[in-house]
N, C-alpha and C. Protein backbone atom coordinates (compact mmCIF):
# COMPACT_ATOMS: atom_id res chain seq x y z
N LEU A 1 -3.86 16.11 21.39
CA LEU A 1 -5.07 17.31 21.27
C LEU A 1 -4.19 18.40 21.70
N SER A 2 -4.38 19.60 21.09
CA SER A 2 -4.02 20.74 21.42
C SER A 2 -5.20 21.07 22.71
N THR A 3 -4.24 21.38 23.52
CA THR A 3 -4.89 22.85 24.88
C THR A 3 -5.53 24.45 24.44
N GLN A 4 -5.11 24.04 23.10
CA GLN A 4 -5.37 25.99 22.86
C GLN A 4 -6.84 25.30 22.04
N THR A 5 -7.03 24.77 21.32
CA THR A 5 -8.55 24.85 20.90
C THR A 5 -8.98 23.32 20.99
N ILE A 6 -10.56 23.31 20.85
CA ILE A 6 -11.51 22.31 21.14
C ILE A 6 -11.43 21.71 19.06
N THR A 7 -11.08 20.35 19.21
CA THR A 7 -11.28 19.88 18.09
C THR A 7 -13.08 18.74 18.22
N ARG A 8 -13.28 19.28 17.23
CA ARG A 8 -13.70 17.27 16.82
C ARG A 8 -13.48 16.49 16.09
N LEU A 9 -13.15 15.46 16.63
CA LEU A 9 -13.01 14.82 16.40
C LEU A 9 -13.58 13.20 15.33
N SER A 10 -15.02 13.54 15.54
CA SER A 10 -15.46 12.12 15.28
C SER A 10 -17.31 12.12 15.38
N SER A 11 -17.52 11.66 14.96
CA SER A 11 -19.52 12.03 14.99
C SER A 11 -19.63 10.74 15.52
N VAL A 12 -19.75 10.08 16.43
CA VAL A 12 -20.44 8.40 16.66
C VAL A 12 -21.43 8.12 16.75
N GLY A 13 -22.20 8.82 15.90
CA GLY A 13 -23.73 7.79 15.61
C GLY A 13 -24.83 8.44 16.68
N VAL A 14 -26.27 9.08 15.94
CA VAL A 14 -27.52 10.20 16.28
C VAL A 14 -27.27 9.55 17.98
N SER A 15 -27.40 8.13 18.34
CA SER A 15 -28.51 7.32 19.66
C SER A 15 -27.28 7.43 20.15
N SER A 16 -26.01 7.88 20.24
CA SER A 16 -24.98 7.96 21.64
C SER A 16 -24.30 9.24 22.28
N LEU A 17 -24.24 8.63 23.92
CA LEU A 17 -24.24 9.06 24.60
C LEU A 17 -23.03 9.34 25.26
N PRO A 18 -22.02 9.34 23.99
CA PRO A 18 -20.55 8.81 25.30
C PRO A 18 -20.32 9.90 26.56
N LEU A 19 -19.89 9.40 27.33
CA LEU A 19 -19.34 10.22 28.88
C LEU A 19 -18.20 10.27 29.53
N GLY A 20 -17.68 8.87 29.07
CA GLY A 20 -15.89 8.47 29.85
C GLY A 20 -15.04 9.10 28.58
N VAL A 21 -13.87 9.39 28.67
CA VAL A 21 -13.15 9.36 27.48
C VAL A 21 -11.36 8.64 28.34
N ALA A 22 -10.71 7.75 27.11
CA ALA A 22 -9.45 7.60 27.57
C ALA A 22 -8.12 7.35 26.30
N GLU A 23 -7.37 7.50 26.66
CA GLU A 23 -6.54 7.80 25.73
C GLU A 23 -5.15 6.64 26.41
N ASP A 24 -5.26 5.41 24.42
CA ASP A 24 -4.23 4.62 25.22
C ASP A 24 -2.34 4.47 24.99
N GLN A 25 -1.85 3.62 24.79
CA GLN A 25 -0.57 3.94 24.65
C GLN A 25 0.32 3.76 22.83
N SER A 26 -1.44 4.07 22.24
CA SER A 26 -0.57 4.60 20.39
C SER A 26 -1.53 5.03 20.50
N GLY A 27 -1.93 5.92 20.96
CA GLY A 27 -2.98 7.49 21.15
C GLY A 27 -4.09 7.14 20.22
N ASP A 28 -4.75 6.06 20.22
CA ASP A 28 -6.26 6.35 19.70
C ASP A 28 -6.89 6.58 21.80
N ILE A 29 -8.31 7.14 21.18
CA ILE A 29 -9.37 7.26 21.50
C ILE A 29 -10.66 6.53 21.93
N TRP A 30 -10.99 6.18 23.62
CA TRP A 30 -11.40 5.36 23.56
C TRP A 30 -12.44 5.88 24.99
N PHE A 31 -14.02 5.47 24.53
CA PHE A 31 -14.92 6.12 25.15
C PHE A 31 -15.82 5.06 25.78
N SER A 32 -17.11 5.56 26.52
CA SER A 32 -17.65 4.41 26.70
C SER A 32 -18.73 5.36 26.79
N ASP A 33 -19.88 4.56 26.00
CA ASP A 33 -21.24 4.74 25.24
C ASP A 33 -22.30 4.67 25.94
N ALA A 34 -23.16 5.53 27.15
CA ALA A 34 -24.60 4.79 28.15
C ALA A 34 -25.14 4.23 27.16
N ALA A 35 -25.71 5.60 25.85
CA ALA A 35 -26.85 5.24 24.91
C ALA A 35 -26.83 3.88 24.37
N SER A 36 -25.23 3.54 24.08
CA SER A 36 -25.47 2.34 23.09
C SER A 36 -25.14 0.80 23.70
N ASN A 37 -25.16 1.76 25.10
CA ASN A 37 -24.25 0.55 25.96
C ASN A 37 -23.56 -0.03 25.12
N SER A 38 -22.28 0.53 24.88
CA SER A 38 -20.76 -0.10 24.56
C SER A 38 -19.80 0.29 24.84
N ILE A 39 -18.67 0.37 24.22
CA ILE A 39 -16.99 1.04 24.71
C ILE A 39 -17.26 1.46 22.93
N GLY A 40 -16.34 2.64 22.68
CA GLY A 40 -15.77 2.97 21.39
C GLY A 40 -14.21 3.50 21.39
N GLU A 41 -14.03 3.50 19.76
CA GLU A 41 -12.65 3.00 19.73
C GLU A 41 -12.38 4.32 18.60
N LEU A 42 -11.87 5.59 18.52
CA LEU A 42 -11.62 6.31 17.92
C LEU A 42 -10.33 5.93 17.77
N VAL A 43 -10.00 5.52 16.18
CA VAL A 43 -8.77 4.71 15.59
C VAL A 43 -8.16 5.78 14.66
N GLY A 44 -7.22 6.41 15.11
CA GLY A 44 -6.32 7.08 14.11
C GLY A 44 -6.51 8.62 14.73
N GLY A 45 -7.35 9.39 15.39
CA GLY A 45 -7.40 10.51 15.66
C GLY A 45 -8.52 11.53 14.58
N ALA A 46 -8.38 12.34 14.65
CA ALA A 46 -8.89 13.04 13.41
C ALA A 46 -9.64 12.60 12.64
N GLY A 47 -10.24 12.03 12.04
CA GLY A 47 -11.21 11.52 10.32
C GLY A 47 -11.01 9.88 10.80
N GLY A 48 -10.66 9.34 11.84
CA GLY A 48 -10.09 7.92 12.21
C GLY A 48 -11.36 7.00 11.94
N THR A 49 -11.04 6.05 11.79
CA THR A 49 -12.35 5.11 11.87
C THR A 49 -13.00 4.68 13.78
N VAL A 50 -13.93 5.05 13.68
CA VAL A 50 -14.57 4.39 14.88
C VAL A 50 -15.10 3.09 15.29
N ARG A 51 -15.09 2.27 16.51
CA ARG A 51 -14.72 1.33 16.40
C ARG A 51 -15.54 0.26 17.81
N GLU A 52 -16.77 -0.27 17.74
CA GLU A 52 -18.06 -0.38 18.87
C GLU A 52 -17.62 -1.58 18.73
N PHE A 53 -17.59 -1.70 19.93
CA PHE A 53 -17.34 -3.05 21.45
C PHE A 53 -18.84 -2.97 22.12
N PRO A 54 -19.35 -3.60 22.22
CA PRO A 54 -20.64 -3.73 22.57
C PRO A 54 -20.65 -3.93 24.42
N LEU A 55 -21.02 -3.73 25.56
CA LEU A 55 -21.30 -4.49 27.04
C LEU A 55 -21.97 -5.65 26.90
N LEU A 56 -21.58 -6.71 28.08
CA LEU A 56 -22.08 -7.98 27.93
C LEU A 56 -23.56 -7.90 28.99
N THR A 57 -23.76 -6.98 29.93
CA THR A 57 -24.90 -6.30 30.99
C THR A 57 -25.66 -5.42 29.92
N PRO A 58 -27.13 -5.97 29.66
CA PRO A 58 -27.27 -4.20 29.10
C PRO A 58 -27.84 -3.78 30.46
N SER A 59 -28.44 -2.07 29.76
CA SER A 59 -28.65 -1.27 29.75
C SER A 59 -27.41 -0.77 30.79
N SER A 60 -26.55 -1.03 31.11
CA SER A 60 -25.86 -0.95 32.12
C SER A 60 -25.41 0.64 32.50
N GLY A 61 -24.94 1.10 31.54
CA GLY A 61 -24.78 2.79 31.93
C GLY A 61 -23.48 3.01 31.85
N ALA A 62 -22.86 2.54 31.00
CA ALA A 62 -21.72 2.60 31.04
C ALA A 62 -21.18 4.33 30.71
N THR A 63 -20.26 4.32 31.89
CA THR A 63 -19.82 6.16 32.58
C THR A 63 -18.45 5.66 32.11
N GLY A 64 -17.45 5.67 33.35
CA GLY A 64 -15.65 5.93 33.12
C GLY A 64 -14.83 5.00 33.19
N ILE A 65 -14.29 5.32 31.86
CA ILE A 65 -13.75 4.63 31.55
C ILE A 65 -11.49 4.89 32.05
N ALA A 66 -10.64 3.59 31.35
CA ALA A 66 -9.59 3.49 31.55
C ALA A 66 -9.09 2.51 30.98
N VAL A 67 -7.40 2.80 30.89
CA VAL A 67 -6.82 2.06 29.88
C VAL A 67 -5.59 1.03 30.83
N ASP A 68 -5.01 0.58 30.81
CA ASP A 68 -4.33 0.10 31.75
C ASP A 68 -3.24 -0.21 31.30
N GLN A 69 -2.03 -0.70 31.61
CA GLN A 69 -0.73 -0.89 30.83
C GLN A 69 -0.32 -1.70 29.30
N GLN A 70 -1.35 -3.08 29.83
CA GLN A 70 -1.27 -4.28 29.46
C GLN A 70 -2.03 -3.64 27.49
N GLY A 71 -3.27 -2.35 27.73
CA GLY A 71 -4.07 -1.82 26.50
C GLY A 71 -5.55 -2.37 26.92
N ASN A 72 -5.51 -3.13 28.27
CA ASN A 72 -7.32 -3.07 28.68
C ASN A 72 -7.68 -2.18 28.67
N VAL A 73 -9.30 -2.23 28.52
CA VAL A 73 -10.65 -1.14 28.73
C VAL A 73 -11.05 -1.37 29.46
N TRP A 74 -10.85 -1.01 30.83
CA TRP A 74 -12.04 -0.86 31.82
C TRP A 74 -13.05 0.22 31.84
N VAL A 75 -13.96 -0.04 31.98
CA VAL A 75 -15.56 0.84 32.62
C VAL A 75 -16.08 0.26 33.04
N ALA A 76 -16.64 2.10 34.38
CA ALA A 76 -17.41 1.48 35.19
C ALA A 76 -19.02 2.23 34.71
N ASP A 77 -20.18 0.15 34.72
CA ASP A 77 -20.93 0.81 34.81
C ASP A 77 -21.84 0.90 35.49
N ASN A 78 -22.36 2.55 35.78
CA ASN A 78 -23.03 3.19 36.72
C ASN A 78 -24.14 2.56 37.27
N LEU A 79 -25.35 1.69 36.11
CA LEU A 79 -26.08 1.85 36.74
C LEU A 79 -26.08 0.18 37.38
N THR A 80 -25.49 -0.62 36.80
CA THR A 80 -25.25 -2.27 37.39
C THR A 80 -24.35 -2.07 39.28
N GLY A 81 -24.20 -1.22 38.84
CA GLY A 81 -22.56 -1.04 40.02
C GLY A 81 -21.33 -2.43 40.45
N LYS A 82 -20.64 -2.27 38.99
CA LYS A 82 -19.90 -2.90 37.93
C LYS A 82 -18.33 -2.87 36.76
N VAL A 83 -18.11 -3.50 36.77
CA VAL A 83 -16.74 -3.05 36.48
C VAL A 83 -16.28 -4.26 35.24
N THR A 84 -16.47 -3.63 33.87
CA THR A 84 -16.25 -4.46 32.67
C THR A 84 -15.08 -4.32 32.30
N GLU A 85 -14.60 -5.40 31.97
CA GLU A 85 -12.88 -5.28 31.04
C GLU A 85 -12.99 -6.15 29.23
N LEU A 86 -12.85 -4.53 28.50
CA LEU A 86 -12.80 -4.97 27.44
C LEU A 86 -10.96 -5.47 26.68
N ASP A 87 -10.64 -7.15 26.71
CA ASP A 87 -9.41 -7.44 26.22
C ASP A 87 -9.07 -7.24 25.21
N THR A 88 -8.54 -6.04 24.90
CA THR A 88 -8.20 -5.51 23.69
C THR A 88 -7.32 -6.27 23.15
N ALA A 89 -6.40 -7.21 23.66
CA ALA A 89 -5.06 -8.36 22.66
C ALA A 89 -6.60 -8.74 21.91
N HIS A 90 -7.72 -9.49 22.04
CA HIS A 90 -8.19 -10.69 21.72
C HIS A 90 -9.97 -10.15 21.21
N ALA A 91 -9.68 -9.34 21.25
CA ALA A 91 -11.15 -8.72 20.69
C ALA A 91 -11.03 -7.36 19.31
N SER A 92 -12.07 -7.90 18.84
CA SER A 92 -12.29 -7.12 17.58
C SER A 92 -13.35 -6.65 17.58
N PRO A 93 -13.86 -5.97 16.79
CA PRO A 93 -15.25 -4.89 16.19
C PRO A 93 -16.20 -6.43 16.78
N GLY A 94 -16.98 -5.73 17.44
CA GLY A 94 -19.07 -6.65 17.95
C GLY A 94 -18.24 -7.50 18.70
N THR A 95 -17.33 -7.38 19.14
CA THR A 95 -16.89 -8.88 20.08
C THR A 95 -17.21 -8.37 21.56
N THR A 96 -18.54 -9.13 22.46
CA THR A 96 -18.83 -8.32 23.57
C THR A 96 -18.20 -8.25 24.57
N ALA A 97 -17.76 -7.16 25.13
CA ALA A 97 -17.01 -7.13 25.75
C ALA A 97 -17.09 -7.72 27.24
N SER A 98 -16.43 -8.46 28.06
CA SER A 98 -16.55 -9.54 29.65
C SER A 98 -16.66 -9.35 30.53
N GLY A 99 -17.51 -9.74 31.44
CA GLY A 99 -17.82 -8.78 32.79
C GLY A 99 -18.90 -9.98 33.10
N PRO A 100 -19.58 -9.07 33.87
CA PRO A 100 -18.94 -8.37 35.04
C PRO A 100 -18.12 -8.62 35.29
N ILE A 101 -17.05 -7.72 36.05
CA ILE A 101 -15.89 -8.39 37.17
C ILE A 101 -16.67 -7.72 38.12
N ARG A 102 -16.32 -8.28 39.80
CA ARG A 102 -16.88 -7.65 40.88
C ARG A 102 -15.39 -7.54 41.52
């Protein structure tokens, strides 16, 4: 992303509240969505496809997000005080993220 401009990459939905944002090694953008209780992935940058992965714990308040060197996505669940992992090597859209991990 350019530091000179702000670009709207994609709309993720009417009932969404994306809070955390992280980029993986392939350049895809990941976000935590507190309103839909899910992890989202924007594949391919601007105009790309949005994929969603629901979180296991209802109403978890997904906020912070990070991607590790293996490509796994980690989300801080603000309302439950837990951390959730999405194993991206084995997940497909609609797959529930594993967790909670203490």
